Amino acid sequence: MINNKAWQIVEHHDIEKTCWRLPPQVQKKYEFWKELIYKFGPEVLKKYPGYHDEKLNGWREGQRSSRLNLQYRVIYSVQKELVRVNVIEITPHRY
């Protein structure tokens, strides 16, 4: 897959603090998730069924969720016109 431009990943200001509290395997999976997004964009997540990437409904409409493990999800939105992914939070699955 050839990508002419890298995606910009913008993390909420609390993400760095949140990552310190995550289990090491979740941290690694999140770092790999970011690497995939940066290089290929969010569409590549469809090739990785373990992330179970899906759009959200209700008060989270317009956002997406990717599974980092059975408990933790990364919640994000995509601004295609800016080629930017906004990481909103990493949260235990409570939505």
PDB file of N, CA and C in Angstrom:
ATOM      1  N   MET A   1       0.841  -1.168   0.000  1.00  0.00           N
ATOM      2  CA  MET A   1       0.000   0.000   0.000  1.00  0.00           C
ATOM      3  C   MET A   1       0.888   1.233   0.000  1.00  0.00           C
ATOM      4  N   ILE A   2       0.678   2.124  -0.934  1.00  0.00           N
ATOM      5  CA  ILE A   2       1.474   3.344  -1.052  1.00  0.00           C
ATOM      6  C   ILE A   2       0.658   4.513  -0.517  1.00  0.00           C
ATOM      7  N   ASN A   3       1.266   5.296   0.330  1.00  0.00           N
ATOM      8  CA  ASN A   3       0.616   6.452   0.921  1.00  0.00           C
ATOM      9  C   ASN A   3       1.468   7.672   0.636  1.00  0.00           C
ATOM     10  N   ASN A   4       0.893   8.664  -0.030  1.00  0.00           N
ATOM     11  CA  ASN A   4       1.656   9.852  -0.389  1.00  0.00           C
ATOM     12  C   ASN A   4       1.783  10.854   0.742  1.00  0.00           C
ATOM     13  N   LYS A   5       0.919  10.786   1.719  1.00  0.00           N
ATOM     14  CA  LYS A   5       1.010  11.726   2.819  1.00  0.00           C
ATOM     15  C   LYS A   5       0.738  11.020   4.137  1.00  0.00           C
ATOM     16  N   ALA A   6       1.446  11.451   5.146  1.00  0.00           N
ATOM     17  CA  ALA A   6       1.261  10.873   6.474  1.00  0.00           C
ATOM     18  C   ALA A   6       0.067  11.544   7.137  1.00  0.00           C
ATOM     19  N   TRP A   7      -0.607  10.791   7.966  1.00  0.00           N
ATOM     20  CA  TRP A   7      -1.730  11.307   8.724  1.00  0.00           C
ATOM     21  C   TRP A   7      -1.204  11.998   9.976  1.00  0.00           C
ATOM     22  N   GLN A   8      -1.859  13.036  10.392  1.00  0.00           N
ATOM     23  CA  GLN A   8      -1.524  13.727  11.628  1.00  0.00           C
ATOM     24  C   GLN A   8      -2.386  13.154  12.742  1.00  0.00           C
ATOM     25  N   ILE A   9      -1.776  12.815  13.859  1.00  0.00           N
ATOM     26  CA  ILE A   9      -2.507  12.284  15.007  1.00  0.00           C
ATOM     27  C   ILE A   9      -2.442  13.333  16.110  1.00  0.00           C
ATOM     28  N   VAL A  10      -3.607  13.807  16.521  1.00  0.00           N
ATOM     29  CA  VAL A  10      -3.706  14.807  17.576  1.00  0.00           C
ATOM     30  C   VAL A  10      -4.328  14.120  18.789  1.00  0.00           C
ATOM     31  N   GLU A  11      -3.597  14.063  19.881  1.00  0.00           N
ATOM     32  CA  GLU A  11      -4.081  13.414  21.089  1.00  0.00           C
ATOM     33  C   GLU A  11      -4.626  14.459  22.064  1.00  0.00           C
ATOM     34  N   HIS A  12      -5.703  14.132  22.743  1.00  0.00           N
ATOM     35  CA  HIS A  12      -6.230  14.982  23.804  1.00  0.00           C
ATOM     36  C   HIS A  12      -5.120  15.181  24.835  1.00  0.00           C
ATOM     37  N   HIS A  13      -5.111  16.327  25.505  1.00  0.00           N
ATOM     38  CA  HIS A  13      -4.015  16.623  26.432  1.00  0.00           C
ATOM     39  C   HIS A  13      -3.909  15.629  27.594  1.00  0.00           C
ATOM     40  N   ASP A  14      -4.951  14.864  27.881  1.00  0.00           N
ATOM     41  CA  ASP A  14      -4.900  13.883  28.974  1.00  0.00           C
ATOM     42  C   ASP A  14      -4.384  12.503  28.546  1.00  0.00           C
ATOM     43  N   ILE A  15      -4.201  12.279  27.247  1.00  0.00           N
ATOM     44  CA  ILE A  15      -3.824  10.944  26.768  1.00  0.00           C
ATOM     45  C   ILE A  15      -2.479  10.494  27.329  1.00  0.00           C
ATOM     46  N   GLU A  16      -1.501  11.378  27.370  1.00  0.00           N
ATOM     47  CA  GLU A  16      -0.177  10.980  27.871  1.00  0.00           C
ATOM     48  C   GLU A  16      -0.275  10.505  29.320  1.00  0.00           C
ATOM     49  N   LYS A  17      -1.021  11.225  30.147  1.00  0.00           N
ATOM     50  CA  LYS A  17      -1.201  10.839  31.543  1.00  0.00           C
ATOM     51  C   LYS A  17      -1.965   9.517  31.639  1.00  0.00           C
ATOM     52  N   THR A  18      -2.970   9.346  30.794  1.00  0.00           N
ATOM     53  CA  THR A  18      -3.753   8.107  30.781  1.00  0.00           C
ATOM     54  C   THR A  18      -2.868   6.923  30.427  1.00  0.00           C
ATOM     55  N   CYS A  19      -1.987   7.094  29.460  1.00  0.00           N
ATOM     56  CA  CYS A  19      -1.127   5.993  29.015  1.00  0.00           C
ATOM     57  C   CYS A  19      -0.226   5.476  30.127  1.00  0.00           C
ATOM     58  N   TRP A  20       0.203   6.340  31.024  1.00  0.00           N
ATOM     59  CA  TRP A  20       1.061   5.902  32.137  1.00  0.00           C
ATOM     60  C   TRP A  20       0.350   4.901  33.031  1.00  0.00           C
ATOM     61  N   ARG A  21      -0.983   4.977  33.087  1.00  0.00           N
ATOM     62  CA  ARG A  21      -1.748   4.090  33.968  1.00  0.00           C
ATOM     63  C   ARG A  21      -2.206   2.813  33.271  1.00  0.00           C
ATOM     64  N   LEU A  22      -1.997   2.718  31.982  1.00  0.00           N
ATOM     65  CA  LEU A  22      -2.453   1.543  31.233  1.00  0.00           C
ATOM     66  C   LEU A  22      -1.515   0.360  31.435  1.00  0.00           C
ATOM     67  N   PRO A  23      -2.036  -0.855  31.338  1.00  0.00           N
ATOM     68  CA  PRO A  23      -1.155  -2.026  31.345  1.00  0.00           C
ATOM     69  C   PRO A  23      -0.177  -1.955  30.169  1.00  0.00           C
ATOM     70  N   PRO A  24       1.042  -2.465  30.338  1.00  0.00           N
ATOM     71  CA  PRO A  24       2.058  -2.365  29.290  1.00  0.00           C
ATOM     72  C   PRO A  24       1.597  -2.903  27.928  1.00  0.00           C
ATOM     73  N   GLN A  25       0.845  -4.013  27.906  1.00  0.00           N
ATOM     74  CA  GLN A  25       0.416  -4.573  26.631  1.00  0.00           C
ATOM     75  C   GLN A  25      -0.576  -3.642  25.926  1.00  0.00           C
ATOM     76  N   VAL A  26      -1.379  -2.898  26.690  1.00  0.00           N
ATOM     77  CA  VAL A  26      -2.315  -1.935  26.092  1.00  0.00           C
ATOM     78  C   VAL A  26      -1.539  -0.742  25.536  1.00  0.00           C
ATOM     79  N   GLN A  27      -0.519  -0.306  26.266  1.00  0.00           N
ATOM     80  CA  GLN A  27       0.332   0.778  25.778  1.00  0.00           C
ATOM     81  C   GLN A  27       0.968   0.405  24.436  1.00  0.00           C
ATOM     82  N   LYS A  28       1.505  -0.818  24.349  1.00  0.00           N
ATOM     83  CA  LYS A  28       2.145  -1.274  23.107  1.00  0.00           C
ATOM     84  C   LYS A  28       1.146  -1.342  21.959  1.00  0.00           C
ATOM     85  N   LYS A  29      -0.054  -1.837  22.243  1.00  0.00           N
ATOM     86  CA  LYS A  29      -1.067  -1.943  21.195  1.00  0.00           C
ATOM     87  C   LYS A  29      -1.490  -0.557  20.720  1.00  0.00           C
ATOM     88  N   TYR A  30      -1.592   0.404  21.638  1.00  0.00           N
ATOM     89  CA  TYR A  30      -1.926   1.776  21.267  1.00  0.00           C
ATOM     90  C   TYR A  30      -0.821   2.380  20.411  1.00  0.00           C
ATOM     91  N   GLU A  31       0.429   2.161  20.760  1.00  0.00           N
ATOM     92  CA  GLU A  31       1.545   2.682  19.962  1.00  0.00           C
ATOM     93  C   GLU A  31       1.525   2.089  18.552  1.00  0.00           C
ATOM     94  N   PHE A  32       1.230   0.786  18.439  1.00  0.00           N
ATOM     95  CA  PHE A  32       1.131   0.158  17.122  1.00  0.00           C
ATOM     96  C   PHE A  32      -0.051   0.731  16.350  1.00  0.00           C
ATOM     97  N   TRP A  33      -1.179   0.967  17.024  1.00  0.00           N
ATOM     98  CA  TRP A  33      -2.363   1.574  16.415  1.00  0.00           C
ATOM     99  C   TRP A  33      -2.003   2.934  15.833  1.00  0.00           C
ATOM    100  N   LYS A  34      -1.270   3.752  16.613  1.00  0.00           N
ATOM    101  CA  LYS A  34      -0.859   5.076  16.134  1.00  0.00           C
ATOM    102  C   LYS A  34       0.061   4.963  14.918  1.00  0.00           C
ATOM    103  N   GLU A  35       0.965   4.009  14.951  1.00  0.00           N
ATOM    104  CA  GLU A  35       1.878   3.817  13.829  1.00  0.00           C
ATOM    105  C   GLU A  35       1.115   3.455  12.555  1.00  0.00           C
ATOM    106  N   LEU A  36       0.150   2.564  12.673  1.00  0.00           N
ATOM    107  CA  LEU A  36      -0.680   2.196  11.514  1.00  0.00           C
ATOM    108  C   LEU A  36      -1.420   3.408  10.959  1.00  0.00           C
ATOM    109  N   ILE A  37      -2.063   4.178  11.840  1.00  0.00           N
ATOM    110  CA  ILE A  37      -2.818   5.356  11.426  1.00  0.00           C
ATOM    111  C   ILE A  37      -1.892   6.362  10.752  1.00  0.00           C
ATOM    112  N   TYR A  38      -0.756   6.625  11.358  1.00  0.00           N
ATOM    113  CA  TYR A  38       0.184   7.614  10.828  1.00  0.00           C
ATOM    114  C   TYR A  38       0.644   7.254   9.413  1.00  0.00           C
ATOM    115  N   LYS A  39       0.950   5.987   9.217  1.00  0.00           N
ATOM    116  CA  LYS A  39       1.489   5.565   7.921  1.00  0.00           C
ATOM    117  C   LYS A  39       0.426   5.355   6.851  1.00  0.00           C
ATOM    118  N   PHE A  40      -0.734   4.788   7.236  1.00  0.00           N
ATOM    119  CA  PHE A  40      -1.699   4.340   6.231  1.00  0.00           C
ATOM    120  C   PHE A  40      -3.097   4.938   6.361  1.00  0.00           C
ATOM    121  N   GLY A  41      -3.378   5.610   7.460  1.00  0.00           N
ATOM    122  CA  GLY A  41      -4.706   6.171   7.675  1.00  0.00           C
ATOM    123  C   GLY A  41      -5.635   5.174   8.338  1.00  0.00           C
ATOM    124  N   PRO A  42      -6.780   5.643   8.818  1.00  0.00           N
ATOM    125  CA  PRO A  42      -7.677   4.786   9.588  1.00  0.00           C
ATOM    126  C   PRO A  42      -8.316   3.654   8.785  1.00  0.00           C
ATOM    127  N   GLU A  43      -8.355   3.752   7.478  1.00  0.00           N
ATOM    128  CA  GLU A  43      -8.950   2.686   6.660  1.00  0.00           C
ATOM    129  C   GLU A  43      -8.197   1.366   6.805  1.00  0.00           C
ATOM    130  N   VAL A  44      -6.911   1.422   7.149  1.00  0.00           N
ATOM    131  CA  VAL A  44      -6.114   0.202   7.274  1.00  0.00           C
ATOM    132  C   VAL A  44      -6.599  -0.674   8.434  1.00  0.00           C
ATOM    133  N   LEU A  45      -7.299  -0.095   9.394  1.00  0.00           N
ATOM    134  CA  LEU A  45      -7.767  -0.856  10.556  1.00  0.00           C
ATOM    135  C   LEU A  45      -8.731  -1.970  10.159  1.00  0.00           C
ATOM    136  N   LYS A  46      -9.364  -1.854   9.008  1.00  0.00           N
ATOM    137  CA  LYS A  46     -10.261  -2.905   8.523  1.00  0.00           C
ATOM    138  C   LYS A  46      -9.502  -4.203   8.247  1.00  0.00           C
ATOM    139  N   LYS A  47      -8.208  -4.089   7.982  1.00  0.00           N
ATOM    140  CA  LYS A  47      -7.379  -5.266   7.714  1.00  0.00           C
ATOM    141  C   LYS A  47      -6.926  -5.962   8.995  1.00  0.00           C
ATOM    142  N   TYR A  48      -7.197  -5.344  10.141  1.00  0.00           N
ATOM    143  CA  TYR A  48      -6.795  -5.890  11.437  1.00  0.00           C
ATOM    144  C   TYR A  48      -8.051  -6.140  12.274  1.00  0.00           C
ATOM    145  N   PRO A  49      -8.665  -7.325  12.144  1.00  0.00           N
ATOM    146  CA  PRO A  49      -9.930  -7.578  12.840  1.00  0.00           C
ATOM    147  C   PRO A  49      -9.806  -7.512  14.368  1.00  0.00           C
ATOM    148  N   GLY A  50      -8.624  -7.666  14.909  1.00  0.00           N
ATOM    149  CA  GLY A  50      -8.441  -7.588  16.356  1.00  0.00           C
ATOM    150  C   GLY A  50      -8.780  -6.213  16.918  1.00  0.00           C
ATOM    151  N   TYR A  51      -8.658  -5.171  16.096  1.00  0.00           N
ATOM    152  CA  TYR A  51      -9.000  -3.827  16.561  1.00  0.00           C
ATOM    153  C   TYR A  51     -10.508  -3.606  16.589  1.00  0.00           C
ATOM    154  N   HIS A  52     -11.259  -4.429  15.884  1.00  0.00           N
ATOM    155  CA  HIS A  52     -12.722  -4.334  15.857  1.00  0.00           C
ATOM    156  C   HIS A  52     -13.153  -2.866  15.743  1.00  0.00           C
ATOM    157  N   ASP A  53     -12.594  -2.164  14.771  1.00  0.00           N
ATOM    158  CA  ASP A  53     -12.868  -0.744  14.580  1.00  0.00           C
ATOM    159  C   ASP A  53     -14.313  -0.539  14.140  1.00  0.00           C
ATOM    160  N   GLU A  54     -15.013   0.397  14.783  1.00  0.00           N
ATOM    161  CA  GLU A  54     -16.417   0.627  14.443  1.00  0.00           C
ATOM    162  C   GLU A  54     -16.813   2.068  14.738  1.00  0.00           C
ATOM    163  N   LYS A  55     -17.839   2.528  14.009  1.00  0.00           N
ATOM    164  CA  LYS A  55     -18.376   3.861  14.296  1.00  0.00           C
ATOM    165  C   LYS A  55     -19.306   3.751  15.491  1.00  0.00           C
ATOM    166  N   LEU A  56     -19.388   4.848  16.243  1.00  0.00           N
ATOM    167  CA  LEU A  56     -20.197   4.871  17.444  1.00  0.00           C
ATOM    168  C   LEU A  56     -21.495   5.628  17.201  1.00  0.00           C
ATOM    169  N   ASN A  57     -22.489   5.371  18.043  1.00  0.00           N
ATOM    170  CA  ASN A  57     -23.802   5.994  17.935  1.00  0.00           C
ATOM    171  C   ASN A  57     -24.113   6.782  19.191  1.00  0.00           C
ATOM    172  N   GLY A  58     -25.289   7.362  19.223  1.00  0.00           N
ATOM    173  CA  GLY A  58     -25.736   8.089  20.406  1.00  0.00           C
ATOM    174  C   GLY A  58     -24.940   9.360  20.603  1.00  0.00           C
ATOM    175  N   TRP A  59     -24.590   9.634  21.861  1.00  0.00           N
ATOM    176  CA  TRP A  59     -23.872  10.873  22.149  1.00  0.00           C
ATOM    177  C   TRP A  59     -22.436  10.860  21.615  1.00  0.00           C
ATOM    178  N   ARG A  60     -21.970   9.705  21.154  1.00  0.00           N
ATOM    179  CA  ARG A  60     -20.635   9.604  20.538  1.00  0.00           C
ATOM    180  C   ARG A  60     -20.706   9.538  19.012  1.00  0.00           C
ATOM    181  N   GLU A  61     -21.835   9.907  18.437  1.00  0.00           N
ATOM    182  CA  GLU A  61     -21.966   9.891  16.979  1.00  0.00           C
ATOM    183  C   GLU A  61     -20.886  10.781  16.360  1.00  0.00           C
ATOM    184  N   GLY A  62     -20.297  10.295  15.279  1.00  0.00           N
ATOM    185  CA  GLY A  62     -19.201  10.999  14.616  1.00  0.00           C
ATOM    186  C   GLY A  62     -17.834  10.549  15.116  1.00  0.00           C
ATOM    187  N   GLN A  63     -17.824   9.711  16.138  1.00  0.00           N
ATOM    188  CA  GLN A  63     -16.577   9.176  16.676  1.00  0.00           C
ATOM    189  C   GLN A  63     -16.480   7.698  16.332  1.00  0.00           C
ATOM    190  N   ARG A  64     -15.282   7.157  16.465  1.00  0.00           N
ATOM    191  CA  ARG A  64     -15.037   5.748  16.198  1.00  0.00           C
ATOM    192  C   ARG A  64     -14.330   5.134  17.406  1.00  0.00           C
ATOM    193  N   SER A  65     -14.345   3.800  17.470  1.00  0.00           N
ATOM    194  CA  SER A  65     -13.726   3.062  18.560  1.00  0.00           C
ATOM    195  C   SER A  65     -12.895   1.929  17.979  1.00  0.00           C
ATOM    196  N   SER A  66     -11.699   1.763  18.520  1.00  0.00           N
ATOM    197  CA  SER A  66     -10.852   0.612  18.187  1.00  0.00           C
ATOM    198  C   SER A  66     -10.521  -0.112  19.481  1.00  0.00           C
ATOM    199  N   ARG A  67     -10.588  -1.418  19.454  1.00  0.00           N
ATOM    200  CA  ARG A  67     -10.311  -2.247  20.629  1.00  0.00           C
ATOM    201  C   ARG A  67      -8.800  -2.401  20.809  1.00  0.00           C
ATOM    202  N   LEU A  68      -8.320  -2.085  22.011  1.00  0.00           N
ATOM    203  CA  LEU A  68      -6.912  -2.302  22.332  1.00  0.00           C
ATOM    204  C   LEU A  68      -6.723  -3.626  23.063  1.00  0.00           C
ATOM    205  N   ASN A  69      -7.742  -4.050  23.795  1.00  0.00           N
ATOM    206  CA  ASN A  69      -7.839  -5.394  24.372  1.00  0.00           C
ATOM    207  C   ASN A  69      -9.309  -5.585  24.733  1.00  0.00           C
ATOM    208  N   LEU A  70      -9.641  -6.614  25.485  1.00  0.00           N
ATOM    209  CA  LEU A  70     -11.054  -6.841  25.803  1.00  0.00           C
ATOM    210  C   LEU A  70     -11.655  -5.697  26.609  1.00  0.00           C
ATOM    211  N   GLN A  71     -10.854  -5.007  27.400  1.00  0.00           N
ATOM    212  CA  GLN A  71     -11.377  -3.940  28.250  1.00  0.00           C
ATOM    213  C   GLN A  71     -11.210  -2.548  27.662  1.00  0.00           C
ATOM    214  N   TYR A  72     -10.047  -2.235  27.101  1.00  0.00           N
ATOM    215  CA  TYR A  72      -9.737  -0.863  26.710  1.00  0.00           C
ATOM    216  C   TYR A  72     -10.015  -0.577  25.236  1.00  0.00           C
ATOM    217  N   ARG A  73     -10.542   0.641  24.996  1.00  0.00           N
ATOM    218  CA  ARG A  73     -10.821   1.135  23.649  1.00  0.00           C
ATOM    219  C   ARG A  73     -10.160   2.491  23.472  1.00  0.00           C
ATOM    220  N   VAL A  74      -9.748   2.781  22.258  1.00  0.00           N
ATOM    221  CA  VAL A  74      -9.318   4.129  21.923  1.00  0.00           C
ATOM    222  C   VAL A  74     -10.488   4.763  21.160  1.00  0.00           C
ATOM    223  N   ILE A  75     -10.917   5.930  21.598  1.00  0.00           N
ATOM    224  CA  ILE A  75     -12.012   6.656  20.980  1.00  0.00           C
ATOM    225  C   ILE A  75     -11.388   7.784  20.168  1.00  0.00           C
ATOM    226  N   TYR A  76     -11.793   7.906  18.905  1.00  0.00           N
ATOM    227  CA  TYR A  76     -11.189   8.913  18.044  1.00  0.00           C
ATOM    228  C   TYR A  76     -12.189   9.398  17.001  1.00  0.00           C
ATOM    229  N   SER A  77     -11.843  10.502  16.367  1.00  0.00           N
ATOM    230  CA  SER A  77     -12.620  11.017  15.241  1.00  0.00           C
ATOM    231  C   SER A  77     -11.647  11.303  14.100  1.00  0.00           C
ATOM    232  N   VAL A  78     -12.179  11.374  12.900  1.00  0.00           N
ATOM    233  CA  VAL A  78     -11.346  11.563  11.708  1.00  0.00           C
ATOM    234  C   VAL A  78     -11.788  12.827  10.986  1.00  0.00           C
ATOM    235  N   GLN A  79     -10.825  13.658  10.644  1.00  0.00           N
ATOM    236  CA  GLN A  79     -11.066  14.834   9.821  1.00  0.00           C
ATOM    237  C   GLN A  79     -10.320  14.620   8.516  1.00  0.00           C
ATOM    238  N   LYS A  80     -11.004  14.047   7.538  1.00  0.00           N
ATOM    239  CA  LYS A  80     -10.337  13.675   6.294  1.00  0.00           C
ATOM    240  C   LYS A  80      -9.806  14.874   5.517  1.00  0.00           C
ATOM    241  N   GLU A  81     -10.538  15.986   5.555  1.00  0.00           N
ATOM    242  CA  GLU A  81     -10.078  17.130   4.796  1.00  0.00           C
ATOM    243  C   GLU A  81      -8.755  17.672   5.318  1.00  0.00           C
ATOM    244  N   LEU A  82      -8.456  17.403   6.593  1.00  0.00           N
ATOM    245  CA  LEU A  82      -7.189  17.821   7.178  1.00  0.00           C
ATOM    246  C   LEU A  82      -6.214  16.664   7.314  1.00  0.00           C
ATOM    247  N   VAL A  83      -6.623  15.483   6.911  1.00  0.00           N
ATOM    248  CA  VAL A  83      -5.828  14.273   7.072  1.00  0.00           C
ATOM    249  C   VAL A  83      -5.351  14.177   8.521  1.00  0.00           C
ATOM    250  N   ARG A  84      -6.341  14.238   9.432  1.00  0.00           N
ATOM    251  CA  ARG A  84      -6.021  14.272  10.859  1.00  0.00           C
ATOM    252  C   ARG A  84      -6.926  13.322  11.633  1.00  0.00           C
ATOM    253  N   VAL A  85      -6.331  12.633  12.602  1.00  0.00           N
ATOM    254  CA  VAL A  85      -7.079  11.764  13.508  1.00  0.00           C
ATOM    255  C   VAL A  85      -6.979  12.381  14.904  1.00  0.00           C
ATOM    256  N   ASN A  86      -8.117  12.644  15.532  1.00  0.00           N
ATOM    257  CA  ASN A  86      -8.155  13.200  16.882  1.00  0.00           C
ATOM    258  C   ASN A  86      -8.411  12.077  17.875  1.00  0.00           C
ATOM    259  N   VAL A  87      -7.441  11.770  18.714  1.00  0.00           N
ATOM    260  CA  VAL A  87      -7.622  10.757  19.751  1.00  0.00           C
ATOM    261  C   VAL A  87      -8.253  11.459  20.950  1.00  0.00           C
ATOM    262  N   ILE A  88      -9.457  11.049  21.287  1.00  0.00           N
ATOM    263  CA  ILE A  88     -10.226  11.712  22.326  1.00  0.00           C
ATOM    264  C   ILE A  88      -9.939  11.117  23.697  1.00  0.00           C
ATOM    265  N   GLU A  89      -9.942   9.798  23.794  1.00  0.00           N
ATOM    266  CA  GLU A  89      -9.632   9.159  25.066  1.00  0.00           C
ATOM    267  C   GLU A  89      -9.344   7.677  24.872  1.00  0.00           C
ATOM    268  N   ILE A  90      -8.703   7.110  25.874  1.00  0.00           N
ATOM    269  CA  ILE A  90      -8.530   5.669  25.977  1.00  0.00           C
ATOM    270  C   ILE A  90      -9.266   5.293  27.247  1.00  0.00           C
ATOM    271  N   THR A  91     -10.249   4.435  27.114  1.00  0.00           N
ATOM    272  CA  THR A  91     -11.154   4.197  28.224  1.00  0.00           C
ATOM    273  C   THR A  91     -11.515   2.736  28.356  1.00  0.00           C
ATOM    274  N   PRO A  92     -11.782   2.298  29.593  1.00  0.00           N
ATOM    275  CA  PRO A  92     -12.377   0.966  29.730  1.00  0.00           C
ATOM    276  C   PRO A  92     -13.737   0.981  29.041  1.00  0.00           C
ATOM    277  N   HIS A  93     -14.142  -0.127  28.536  1.00  0.00           N
ATOM    278  CA  HIS A  93     -15.371  -0.237  27.747  1.00  0.00           C
ATOM    279  C   HIS A  93     -16.595  -0.024  28.645  1.00  0.00           C
ATOM    280  N   ARG A  94     -17.111   1.221  28.642  1.00  0.00           N
ATOM    281  CA  ARG A  94     -18.270   1.561  29.460  1.00  0.00           C
ATOM    282  C   ARG A  94     -19.337   2.280  28.691  1.00  0.00           C
ATOM    283  N   TYR A  95     -19.279   2.312  27.378  1.00  0.00           N
ATOM    284  CA  TYR A  95     -20.254   3.077  26.596  1.00  0.00           C
ATOM    285  C   TYR A  95     -21.232   2.158  25.923  1.00  0.00           C
TER     286      TYR A  95
END
